[in-house]
Amino acid sequence: LEAGVVGSFRKPDVLRFGLGPLALGYHDIWRAVARLRQVLESGIWREPRFARVSV
């Protein structure tokens, strides 16, 4: 969400993205994939503020 892309996390360790073909274009999907790549390559996802807290 911080990178401007909304996704969800489901067990077992899978990222999910819902793509609405009527609302999204090729450019939107390309931009989302580019941001996901940036997040993964930078390692920002490892920061404690993004850790899931189990209850």
N, C-alpha and C. Protein backbone atom coordinates (compact mmCIF):
# COMPACT_ATOMS: atom_id res chain seq x y z
N LEU A 1 0.83 -1.19 0.00
CA LEU A 1 0.00 0.00 0.00
C LEU A 1 0.88 1.26 0.00
N GLU A 2 1.97 1.19 0.71
CA GLU A 2 2.85 2.36 0.77
C GLU A 2 3.42 2.71 -0.59
N ALA A 3 3.62 1.71 -1.44
CA ALA A 3 4.17 1.96 -2.78
C ALA A 3 3.08 2.32 -3.79
N GLY A 4 1.84 2.41 -3.33
CA GLY A 4 0.76 2.78 -4.23
C GLY A 4 0.10 1.62 -4.93
N VAL A 5 0.35 0.41 -4.46
CA VAL A 5 -0.24 -0.79 -5.04
C VAL A 5 -0.93 -1.54 -3.91
N VAL A 6 -2.17 -1.94 -4.13
CA VAL A 6 -2.92 -2.66 -3.10
C VAL A 6 -2.96 -4.14 -3.45
N GLY A 7 -2.50 -4.94 -2.54
CA GLY A 7 -2.53 -6.39 -2.72
C GLY A 7 -2.94 -7.03 -1.41
N SER A 8 -3.00 -8.33 -1.37
CA SER A 8 -3.30 -9.01 -0.11
C SER A 8 -2.37 -10.21 0.02
N PHE A 9 -2.20 -10.65 1.24
CA PHE A 9 -1.32 -11.77 1.54
C PHE A 9 -2.16 -12.90 2.07
N ARG A 10 -2.00 -14.06 1.51
CA ARG A 10 -2.75 -15.25 1.93
C ARG A 10 -1.80 -16.39 2.21
N LYS A 11 -2.22 -17.28 3.07
CA LYS A 11 -1.44 -18.49 3.34
C LYS A 11 -1.55 -19.37 2.12
N PRO A 12 -0.58 -20.12 1.77
CA PRO A 12 0.75 -20.23 2.33
C PRO A 12 1.75 -19.31 1.61
N ASP A 13 1.99 -18.15 2.14
CA ASP A 13 2.98 -17.20 1.63
C ASP A 13 2.77 -16.83 0.16
N VAL A 14 1.58 -16.37 -0.14
CA VAL A 14 1.25 -16.01 -1.52
C VAL A 14 0.72 -14.58 -1.56
N LEU A 15 1.21 -13.81 -2.52
CA LEU A 15 0.66 -12.47 -2.77
C LEU A 15 -0.48 -12.60 -3.76
N ARG A 16 -1.55 -11.85 -3.52
CA ARG A 16 -2.69 -11.88 -4.44
C ARG A 16 -3.02 -10.47 -4.89
N PHE A 17 -3.33 -10.34 -6.16
CA PHE A 17 -3.74 -9.07 -6.72
C PHE A 17 -5.01 -9.31 -7.53
N GLY A 18 -6.04 -8.54 -7.25
CA GLY A 18 -7.27 -8.63 -8.02
C GLY A 18 -7.22 -7.63 -9.16
N LEU A 19 -7.32 -8.09 -10.36
CA LEU A 19 -7.24 -7.22 -11.52
C LEU A 19 -8.62 -7.08 -12.14
N GLY A 20 -9.12 -5.86 -12.15
CA GLY A 20 -10.42 -5.59 -12.77
C GLY A 20 -10.24 -5.12 -14.20
N PRO A 21 -10.49 -5.96 -15.19
CA PRO A 21 -10.20 -5.60 -16.58
C PRO A 21 -10.95 -4.37 -17.09
N LEU A 22 -12.07 -4.04 -16.50
CA LEU A 22 -12.80 -2.86 -16.94
C LEU A 22 -12.22 -1.58 -16.36
N ALA A 23 -11.51 -1.70 -15.24
CA ALA A 23 -10.99 -0.52 -14.56
C ALA A 23 -9.49 -0.30 -14.78
N LEU A 24 -8.79 -1.34 -15.23
CA LEU A 24 -7.34 -1.25 -15.37
C LEU A 24 -6.91 -1.39 -16.82
N GLY A 25 -5.85 -0.69 -17.12
CA GLY A 25 -5.26 -0.83 -18.46
C GLY A 25 -3.89 -1.47 -18.34
N TYR A 26 -3.28 -1.72 -19.48
CA TYR A 26 -1.96 -2.33 -19.53
C TYR A 26 -0.95 -1.51 -18.74
N HIS A 27 -1.02 -0.20 -18.86
CA HIS A 27 -0.08 0.69 -18.16
C HIS A 27 -0.20 0.54 -16.64
N ASP A 28 -1.42 0.40 -16.14
CA ASP A 28 -1.63 0.24 -14.69
C ASP A 28 -0.98 -1.03 -14.17
N ILE A 29 -1.15 -2.11 -14.91
CA ILE A 29 -0.57 -3.39 -14.50
C ILE A 29 0.95 -3.34 -14.59
N TRP A 30 1.47 -2.75 -15.65
CA TRP A 30 2.92 -2.61 -15.82
C TRP A 30 3.51 -1.82 -14.66
N ARG A 31 2.85 -0.73 -14.26
CA ARG A 31 3.32 0.10 -13.16
C ARG A 31 3.30 -0.67 -11.84
N ALA A 32 2.25 -1.46 -11.61
CA ALA A 32 2.16 -2.25 -10.38
C ALA A 32 3.27 -3.28 -10.30
N VAL A 33 3.55 -3.95 -11.41
CA VAL A 33 4.62 -4.95 -11.45
C VAL A 33 5.98 -4.29 -11.23
N ALA A 34 6.18 -3.12 -11.81
CA ALA A 34 7.45 -2.39 -11.64
C ALA A 34 7.64 -1.99 -10.18
N ARG A 35 6.57 -1.57 -9.53
CA ARG A 35 6.69 -1.19 -8.11
C ARG A 35 6.93 -2.41 -7.23
N LEU A 36 6.28 -3.52 -7.54
CA LEU A 36 6.52 -4.75 -6.79
C LEU A 36 7.98 -5.17 -6.94
N ARG A 37 8.50 -5.10 -8.13
CA ARG A 37 9.91 -5.43 -8.36
C ARG A 37 10.83 -4.52 -7.55
N GLN A 38 10.52 -3.24 -7.52
CA GLN A 38 11.31 -2.28 -6.76
C GLN A 38 11.31 -2.62 -5.27
N VAL A 39 10.14 -2.97 -4.74
CA VAL A 39 10.02 -3.33 -3.33
C VAL A 39 10.84 -4.58 -3.02
N LEU A 40 10.75 -5.58 -3.89
CA LEU A 40 11.47 -6.84 -3.66
C LEU A 40 12.98 -6.65 -3.78
N GLU A 41 13.42 -5.92 -4.80
CA GLU A 41 14.86 -5.73 -5.01
C GLU A 41 15.50 -4.85 -3.95
N SER A 42 14.77 -3.87 -3.44
CA SER A 42 15.33 -2.96 -2.44
C SER A 42 15.39 -3.60 -1.06
N GLY A 43 14.54 -4.60 -0.82
CA GLY A 43 14.50 -5.25 0.49
C GLY A 43 13.72 -4.47 1.53
N ILE A 44 13.02 -3.42 1.10
CA ILE A 44 12.25 -2.61 2.04
C ILE A 44 11.20 -3.44 2.79
N TRP A 45 10.74 -4.50 2.17
CA TRP A 45 9.71 -5.34 2.80
C TRP A 45 10.21 -6.01 4.07
N ARG A 46 11.53 -6.04 4.27
CA ARG A 46 12.09 -6.67 5.47
C ARG A 46 12.05 -5.76 6.70
N GLU A 47 11.73 -4.49 6.50
CA GLU A 47 11.70 -3.55 7.62
C GLU A 47 10.64 -3.97 8.64
N PRO A 48 10.95 -3.80 9.94
CA PRO A 48 10.02 -4.22 10.99
C PRO A 48 8.62 -3.62 10.87
N ARG A 49 8.51 -2.42 10.33
CA ARG A 49 7.18 -1.80 10.23
C ARG A 49 6.24 -2.56 9.29
N PHE A 50 6.78 -3.44 8.45
CA PHE A 50 5.95 -4.22 7.55
C PHE A 50 5.75 -5.65 8.03
N ALA A 51 6.28 -5.98 9.19
CA ALA A 51 6.15 -7.35 9.72
C ALA A 51 4.71 -7.61 10.15
N ARG A 52 4.28 -8.81 9.89
CA ARG A 52 2.94 -9.22 10.35
C ARG A 52 3.03 -9.62 11.81
N VAL A 53 2.13 -9.14 12.58
CA VAL A 53 2.09 -9.49 14.00
C VAL A 53 1.01 -10.54 14.17
N SER A 54 1.40 -11.71 14.69
CA SER A 54 0.39 -12.75 14.91
C SER A 54 -0.19 -12.60 16.30
N VAL A 55 -1.46 -12.88 16.38
CA VAL A 55 -2.19 -12.72 17.65
C VAL A 55 -2.36 -14.06 18.30
